[in-house]
PDB file of N, CA and C in Angstrom:
ATOM      1  N   MET A   1     114.661  93.157 161.911  1.00  0.00           N
ATOM      2  CA  MET A   1     114.166  93.745 160.714  1.00  0.00           C
ATOM      3  C   MET A   1     113.273  94.608 160.309  1.00  0.00           C
ATOM      4  N   THR A   2     113.139  95.436 159.346  1.00  0.00           N
ATOM      5  CA  THR A   2     112.379  96.375 159.087  1.00  0.00           C
ATOM      6  C   THR A   2     111.093  95.721 158.264  1.00  0.00           C
ATOM      7  N   SER A   3     109.920  96.067 158.816  1.00  0.00           N
ATOM      8  CA  SER A   3     108.899  95.721 158.038  1.00  0.00           C
ATOM      9  C   SER A   3     107.798  96.846 157.304  1.00  0.00           C
ATOM     10  N   PHE A   4     107.865  96.038 156.118  1.00  0.00           N
ATOM     11  CA  PHE A   4     107.358  96.675 155.088  1.00  0.00           C
ATOM     12  C   PHE A   4     105.615  96.397 155.118  1.00  0.00           C
ATOM     13  N   THR A   5     104.641  97.222 155.036  1.00  0.00           N
ATOM     14  CA  THR A   5     103.264  96.891 154.769  1.00  0.00           C
ATOM     15  C   THR A   5     103.054  97.247 153.231  1.00  0.00           C
ATOM     16  N   HIS A   6     101.973  96.705 152.743  1.00  0.00           N
ATOM     17  CA  HIS A   6     101.415  96.918 151.367  1.00  0.00           C
ATOM     18  C   HIS A   6     101.197  98.280 150.958  1.00  0.00           C
ATOM     19  N   THR A   7     100.783  99.302 151.917  1.00  0.00           N
ATOM     20  CA  THR A   7     101.098 100.576 151.521  1.00  0.00           C
ATOM     21  C   THR A   7     102.336 101.038 151.341  1.00  0.00           C
ATOM     22  N   ASP A   8     103.577 100.539 152.070  1.00  0.00           N
ATOM     23  CA  ASP A   8     104.915 101.047 151.511  1.00  0.00           C
ATOM     24  C   ASP A   8     105.003 100.625 149.956  1.00  0.00           C
ATOM     25  N   ARG A   9     104.585  99.487 149.280  1.00  0.00           N
ATOM     26  CA  ARG A   9     104.888  99.904 148.075  1.00  0.00           C
ATOM     27  C   ARG A   9     104.974 100.525 146.985  1.00  0.00           C
ATOM     28  N   PRO A  10     103.342 101.184 147.103  1.00  0.00           N
ATOM     29  CA  PRO A  10     103.345 102.337 146.045  1.00  0.00           C
ATOM     30  C   PRO A  10     104.695 103.724 146.270  1.00  0.00           C
ATOM     31  N   ALA A  11     105.130 103.576 147.782  1.00  0.00           N
ATOM     32  CA  ALA A  11     106.085 104.681 147.730  1.00  0.00           C
ATOM     33  C   ALA A  11     107.165 104.331 147.610  1.00  0.00           C
ATOM     34  N   LEU A  12     107.502 103.105 147.335  1.00  0.00           N
ATOM     35  CA  LEU A  12     109.043 102.357 146.860  1.00  0.00           C
ATOM     36  C   LEU A  12     108.941 102.383 145.155  1.00  0.00           C
ATOM     37  N   GLU A  13     107.558 102.121 144.896  1.00  0.00           N
ATOM     38  CA  GLU A  13     107.764 102.237 143.214  1.00  0.00           C
ATOM     39  C   GLU A  13     107.915 103.914 142.771  1.00  0.00           C
ATOM     40  N   GLY A  14     107.051 104.852 143.381  1.00  0.00           N
ATOM     41  CA  GLY A  14     107.019 106.255 143.325  1.00  0.00           C
ATOM     42  C   GLY A  14     108.666 106.597 143.365  1.00  0.00           C
ATOM     43  N   LEU A  15     109.459 105.938 144.215  1.00  0.00           N
ATOM     44  CA  LEU A  15     110.675 106.470 144.610  1.00  0.00           C
ATOM     45  C   LEU A  15     111.537 106.257 143.016  1.00  0.00           C
ATOM     46  N   SER A  16     111.386 104.741 142.760  1.00  0.00           N
ATOM     47  CA  SER A  16     111.902 104.311 141.753  1.00  0.00           C
ATOM     48  C   SER A  16     111.778 104.804 140.512  1.00  0.00           C
ATOM     49  N   ALA A  17     110.740 105.507 140.351  1.00  0.00           N
ATOM     50  CA  ALA A  17     109.928 106.169 138.854  1.00  0.00           C
ATOM     51  C   ALA A  17     110.320 107.339 138.898  1.00  0.00           C
ATOM     52  N   ARG A  18     110.503 107.877 139.864  1.00  0.00           N
ATOM     53  CA  ARG A  18     111.605 109.459 139.750  1.00  0.00           C
ATOM     54  C   ARG A  18     112.817 109.356 140.176  1.00  0.00           C
ATOM     55  N   THR A  19     113.533 108.279 140.263  1.00  0.00           N
ATOM     56  CA  THR A  19     114.995 108.324 140.478  1.00  0.00           C
ATOM     57  C   THR A  19     115.552 107.236 139.373  1.00  0.00           C
ATOM     58  N   THR A  20     116.586 107.992 138.500  1.00  0.00           N
ATOM     59  CA  THR A  20     117.022 107.033 137.549  1.00  0.00           C
ATOM     60  C   THR A  20     118.651 106.150 138.281  1.00  0.00           C
ATOM     61  N   LEU A  21     118.189 105.014 138.072  1.00  0.00           N
ATOM     62  CA  LEU A  21     119.567 104.368 138.642  1.00  0.00           C
ATOM     63  C   LEU A  21     120.214 103.697 137.649  1.00  0.00           C
ATOM     64  N   PRO A  22     121.763 103.664 138.137  1.00  0.00           N
ATOM     65  CA  PRO A  22     122.307 102.632 137.200  1.00  0.00           C
ATOM     66  C   PRO A  22     121.882 101.147 137.099  1.00  0.00           C
ATOM     67  N   ALA A  23     122.048 100.501 135.797  1.00  0.00           N
ATOM     68  CA  ALA A  23     121.441  98.977 135.882  1.00  0.00           C
ATOM     69  C   ALA A  23     121.790  98.251 136.970  1.00  0.00           C
ATOM     70  N   LEU A  24     122.895  98.172 137.588  1.00  0.00           N
ATOM     71  CA  LEU A  24     123.388  97.240 138.481  1.00  0.00           C
ATOM     72  C   LEU A  24     122.521  97.807 139.985  1.00  0.00           C
ATOM     73  N   SER A  25     122.541  98.726 140.472  1.00  0.00           N
ATOM     74  CA  SER A  25     121.769  99.386 141.592  1.00  0.00           C
ATOM     75  C   SER A  25     120.198  99.066 141.542  1.00  0.00           C
ATOM     76  N   LEU A  26     119.963  99.041 140.133  1.00  0.00           N
ATOM     77  CA  LEU A  26     118.486  98.802 139.958  1.00  0.00           C
ATOM     78  C   LEU A  26     118.193  97.118 140.396  1.00  0.00           C
ATOM     79  N   ILE A  27     118.977  96.684 139.729  1.00  0.00           N
ATOM     80  CA  ILE A  27     119.042  95.049 140.225  1.00  0.00           C
ATOM     81  C   ILE A  27     119.136  94.747 141.692  1.00  0.00           C
ATOM     82  N   ALA A  28     119.815  95.702 141.953  1.00  0.00           N
ATOM     83  CA  ALA A  28     119.965  95.236 143.724  1.00  0.00           C
ATOM     84  C   ALA A  28     118.839  96.094 144.437  1.00  0.00           C
ATOM     85  N   VAL A  29     118.348  96.836 144.125  1.00  0.00           N
ATOM     86  CA  VAL A  29     117.210  97.393 144.970  1.00  0.00           C
ATOM     87  C   VAL A  29     116.024  96.335 144.593  1.00  0.00           C
ATOM     88  N   LYS A  30     115.690  95.941 143.679  1.00  0.00           N
ATOM     89  CA  LYS A  30     114.721  94.875 143.236  1.00  0.00           C
ATOM     90  C   LYS A  30     115.011  93.622 143.922  1.00  0.00           C
ATOM     91  N   LEU A  31     116.525  93.049 144.076  1.00  0.00           N
ATOM     92  CA  LEU A  31     116.953  91.917 144.873  1.00  0.00           C
ATOM     93  C   LEU A  31     116.391  91.904 146.452  1.00  0.00           C
ATOM     94  N   ALA A  32     116.968  93.395 146.492  1.00  0.00           N
ATOM     95  CA  ALA A  32     116.831  93.492 148.079  1.00  0.00           C
ATOM     96  C   ALA A  32     114.931  93.585 148.790  1.00  0.00           C
ATOM     97  N   TRP A  33     114.056  94.149 147.600  1.00  0.00           N
ATOM     98  CA  TRP A  33     112.776  94.114 147.654  1.00  0.00           C
ATOM     99  C   TRP A  33     112.233  92.904 147.627  1.00  0.00           C
ATOM    100  N   ALA A  34     112.718  92.146 146.983  1.00  0.00           N
ATOM    101  CA  ALA A  34     112.132  90.462 146.754  1.00  0.00           C
ATOM    102  C   ALA A  34     112.639  89.717 148.226  1.00  0.00           C
ATOM    103  N   TYR A  35     113.435  89.741 148.826  1.00  0.00           N
ATOM    104  CA  TYR A  35     114.289  89.562 149.977  1.00  0.00           C
ATOM    105  C   TYR A  35     113.294  89.877 151.454  1.00  0.00           C
ATOM    106  N   VAL A  36     113.047  91.141 151.112  1.00  0.00           N
ATOM    107  CA  VAL A  36     112.045  91.586 152.294  1.00  0.00           C
ATOM    108  C   VAL A  36     110.862  91.169 151.812  1.00  0.00           C
ATOM    109  N   LEU A  37     110.073  90.865 151.058  1.00  0.00           N
ATOM    110  CA  LEU A  37     108.893  90.459 150.550  1.00  0.00           C
ATOM    111  C   LEU A  37     108.539  89.071 150.872  1.00  0.00           C
ATOM    112  N   TRP A  38     109.869  88.188 150.488  1.00  0.00           N
ATOM    113  CA  TRP A  38     109.815  86.932 150.790  1.00  0.00           C
ATOM    114  C   TRP A  38     110.039  86.493 152.398  1.00  0.00           C
ATOM    115  N   SER A  39     110.711  87.557 152.891  1.00  0.00           N
ATOM    116  CA  SER A  39     110.844  87.267 154.501  1.00  0.00           C
ATOM    117  C   SER A  39     109.713  87.734 155.174  1.00  0.00           C
ATOM    118  N   GLN A  40     108.897  88.479 154.830  1.00  0.00           N
ATOM    119  CA  GLN A  40     107.610  88.920 155.224  1.00  0.00           C
ATOM    120  C   GLN A  40     106.833  87.461 155.271  1.00  0.00           C
ATOM    121  N   ARG A  41     106.655  87.100 154.323  1.00  0.00           N
ATOM    122  CA  ARG A  41     105.974  85.743 153.819  1.00  0.00           C
ATOM    123  C   ARG A  41     106.233  84.695 154.460  1.00  0.00           C
ATOM    124  N   TYR A  42     107.182  84.487 154.716  1.00  0.00           N
ATOM    125  CA  TYR A  42     107.856  83.237 155.454  1.00  0.00           C
ATOM    126  C   TYR A  42     107.514  83.376 156.997  1.00  0.00           C
ATOM    127  N   GLU A  43     107.831  84.703 157.527  1.00  0.00           N
ATOM    128  CA  GLU A  43     107.663  84.793 158.945  1.00  0.00           C
ATOM    129  C   GLU A  43     105.952  84.916 159.193  1.00  0.00           C
ATOM    130  N   SER A  44     105.199  85.468 158.112  1.00  0.00           N
ATOM    131  CA  SER A  44     103.572  85.422 158.220  1.00  0.00           C
ATOM    132  C   SER A  44     103.067  83.948 158.593  1.00  0.00           C
ATOM    133  N   ARG A  45     103.777  83.404 157.535  1.00  0.00           N
ATOM    134  CA  ARG A  45     103.015  82.384 157.817  1.00  0.00           C
ATOM    135  C   ARG A  45     103.643  81.058 158.676  1.00  0.00           C
ATOM    136  N   LYS A  46     104.535  81.557 159.194  1.00  0.00           N
ATOM    137  CA  LYS A  46     105.386  80.638 160.178  1.00  0.00           C
ATOM    138  C   LYS A  46     104.246  80.951 161.410  1.00  0.00           C
ATOM    139  N   HIS A  47     104.000  82.069 161.672  1.00  0.00           N
ATOM    140  CA  HIS A  47     103.084  82.505 162.821  1.00  0.00           C
ATOM    141  C   HIS A  47     101.718  82.015 162.742  1.00  0.00           C
ATOM    142  N   LEU A  48     101.317  81.821 161.091  1.00  0.00           N
ATOM    143  CA  LEU A  48      99.668  81.427 161.294  1.00  0.00           C
ATOM    144  C   LEU A  48      99.901  79.887 161.458  1.00  0.00           C
ATOM    145  N   ALA A  49     100.927  79.194 160.837  1.00  0.00           N
ATOM    146  CA  ALA A  49     100.831  78.066 161.404  1.00  0.00           C
ATOM    147  C   ALA A  49     100.857  77.372 162.974  1.00  0.00           C
ATOM    148  N   ARG A  50     101.415  78.516 163.631  1.00  0.00           N
ATOM    149  CA  ARG A  50     101.245  78.307 165.276  1.00  0.00           C
ATOM    150  C   ARG A  50      99.946  78.486 165.860  1.00  0.00           C
ATOM    151  N   LEU A  51      99.056  79.452 165.335  1.00  0.00           N
ATOM    152  CA  LEU A  51      97.818  79.751 165.805  1.00  0.00           C
ATOM    153  C   LEU A  51      96.980  78.736 166.150  1.00  0.00           C
ATOM    154  N   ASP A  52      96.298  78.520 167.241  1.00  0.00           N
ATOM    155  CA  ASP A  52      95.422  77.674 167.652  1.00  0.00           C
ATOM    156  C   ASP A  52      94.048  77.779 167.002  1.00  0.00           C
ATOM    157  N   ASP A  53      92.925  76.820 167.127  1.00  0.00           N
ATOM    158  CA  ASP A  53      91.800  77.106 166.345  1.00  0.00           C
ATOM    159  C   ASP A  53      90.595  78.417 166.798  1.00  0.00           C
ATOM    160  N   HIS A  54      90.787  78.984 168.350  1.00  0.00           N
ATOM    161  CA  HIS A  54      90.108  79.859 168.306  1.00  0.00           C
ATOM    162  C   HIS A  54      90.507  81.037 168.004  1.00  0.00           C
ATOM    163  N   MET A  55      92.142  81.213 167.868  1.00  0.00           N
ATOM    164  CA  MET A  55      92.573  82.153 167.411  1.00  0.00           C
ATOM    165  C   MET A  55      92.150  82.407 165.643  1.00  0.00           C
ATOM    166  N   LEU A  56      92.308  81.222 165.069  1.00  0.00           N
ATOM    167  CA  LEU A  56      92.022  81.222 163.501  1.00  0.00           C
ATOM    168  C   LEU A  56      90.776  81.890 163.782  1.00  0.00           C
ATOM    169  N   ARG A  57      89.450  81.552 164.179  1.00  0.00           N
ATOM    170  CA  ARG A  57      88.281  81.640 164.434  1.00  0.00           C
ATOM    171  C   ARG A  57      88.040  83.189 164.439  1.00  0.00           C
ATOM    172  N   ASP A  58      88.788  83.714 165.287  1.00  0.00           N
ATOM    173  CA  ASP A  58      89.214  85.265 165.600  1.00  0.00           C
ATOM    174  C   ASP A  58      89.072  86.272 163.942  1.00  0.00           C
ATOM    175  N   ILE A  59      90.508  85.422 163.626  1.00  0.00           N
ATOM    176  CA  ILE A  59      90.407  86.116 161.998  1.00  0.00           C
ATOM    177  C   ILE A  59      89.724  85.481 160.615  1.00  0.00           C
ATOM    178  N   GLY A  60      88.838  84.678 161.131  1.00  0.00           N
ATOM    179  CA  GLY A  60      88.252  84.259 159.946  1.00  0.00           C
ATOM    180  C   GLY A  60      88.767  83.186 159.074  1.00  0.00           C
ATOM    181  N   LEU A  61      89.304  82.498 159.712  1.00  0.00           N
ATOM    182  CA  LEU A  61      90.342  81.315 158.972  1.00  0.00           C
ATOM    183  C   LEU A  61      89.739  79.788 159.649  1.00  0.00           C
ATOM    184  N   THR A  62      89.516  78.984 158.603  1.00  0.00           N
ATOM    185  CA  THR A  62      89.269  77.580 158.830  1.00  0.00           C
ATOM    186  C   THR A  62      91.097  77.019 159.480  1.00  0.00           C
ATOM    187  N   PRO A  63      90.939  76.017 160.276  1.00  0.00           N
ATOM    188  CA  PRO A  63      92.164  75.298 160.280  1.00  0.00           C
ATOM    189  C   PRO A  63      92.603  74.604 158.998  1.00  0.00           C
ATOM    190  N   ARG A  64      91.929  74.418 158.092  1.00  0.00           N
ATOM    191  CA  ARG A  64      92.459  73.798 156.999  1.00  0.00           C
ATOM    192  C   ARG A  64      93.006  75.001 155.793  1.00  0.00           C
ATOM    193  N   GLU A  65      92.167  75.700 155.767  1.00  0.00           N
ATOM    194  CA  GLU A  65      92.387  77.168 155.090  1.00  0.00           C
ATOM    195  C   GLU A  65      93.875  77.587 155.437  1.00  0.00           C
ATOM    196  N   ALA A  66      93.896  77.776 157.142  1.00  0.00           N
ATOM    197  CA  ALA A  66      95.309  78.614 157.590  1.00  0.00           C
ATOM    198  C   ALA A  66      96.424  77.268 157.181  1.00  0.00           C
ATOM    199  N   ASP A  67      96.126  75.948 157.264  1.00  0.00           N
ATOM    200  CA  ASP A  67      97.421  75.032 156.921  1.00  0.00           C
ATOM    201  C   ASP A  67      97.501  75.163 155.219  1.00  0.00           C
ATOM    202  N   THR A  68      96.535  75.164 154.723  1.00  0.00           N
ATOM    203  CA  THR A  68      96.964  75.455 153.255  1.00  0.00           C
ATOM    204  C   THR A  68      97.826  76.844 153.034  1.00  0.00           C
ATOM    205  N   GLU A  69      97.430  77.972 153.493  1.00  0.00           N
ATOM    206  CA  GLU A  69      98.450  78.862 153.575  1.00  0.00           C
ATOM    207  C   GLU A  69      99.606  78.872 154.276  1.00  0.00           C
ATOM    208  N   ALA A  70      99.913  78.411 155.107  1.00  0.00           N
ATOM    209  CA  ALA A  70     101.298  78.379 155.842  1.00  0.00           C
ATOM    210  C   ALA A  70     102.203  77.093 155.114  1.00  0.00           C
ATOM    211  N   ARG A  71     101.400  76.266 154.387  1.00  0.00           N
ATOM    212  CA  ARG A  71     102.648  75.357 153.550  1.00  0.00           C
ATOM    213  C   ARG A  71     103.135  76.087 152.326  1.00  0.00           C
ATOM    214  N   LYS A  72     102.608  76.876 152.072  1.00  0.00           N
ATOM    215  CA  LYS A  72     102.792  77.636 150.695  1.00  0.00           C
ATOM    216  C   LYS A  72     104.357  78.126 150.700  1.00  0.00           C
ATOM    217  N   PRO A  73     105.249  77.670 149.645  1.00  0.00           N
ATOM    218  CA  PRO A  73     106.730  78.191 149.782  1.00  0.00           C
ATOM    219  C   PRO A  73     106.347  79.796 149.879  1.00  0.00           C
ATOM    220  N   PHE A  74     107.595  80.787 150.465  1.00  0.00           N
ATOM    221  CA  PHE A  74     107.628  81.949 150.385  1.00  0.00           C
ATOM    222  C   PHE A  74     107.565  82.903 149.345  1.00  0.00           C
ATOM    223  N   TRP A  75     107.874  82.193 148.202  1.00  0.00           N
ATOM    224  CA  TRP A  75     107.702  82.662 146.802  1.00  0.00           C
ATOM    225  C   TRP A  75     106.680  83.128 146.066  1.00  0.00           C
ATOM    226  N   ARG A  76     105.815  82.299 146.849  1.00  0.00           N
ATOM    227  CA  ARG A  76     104.490  82.492 145.972  1.00  0.00           C
ATOM    228  C   ARG A  76     103.399  83.252 146.844  1.00  0.00           C
ATOM    229  N   PRO A  77     102.616  83.945 146.115  1.00  0.00           N
ATOM    230  CA  PRO A  77     101.643  85.292 146.759  1.00  0.00           C
ATOM    231  C   PRO A  77     100.820  84.467 147.539  1.00  0.00           C
TER     232      PRO A  77
END
């Protein structure tokens, strides 16, 4: 699966701003974007839940903060 970063978002938004798409195509692009974003959140939170206390300290999170983030549903930022 392709991984997009937050820096890719302006590029994709710029592309859609310069390109006129039929309504159905625009809906398909937005659904695809939502799928990619939600998949990234799901995978990131799944990996976060697996980190031990030492690794969490390395990234500056407490176990409680990590647990709170890992339990969020994929559709919530």
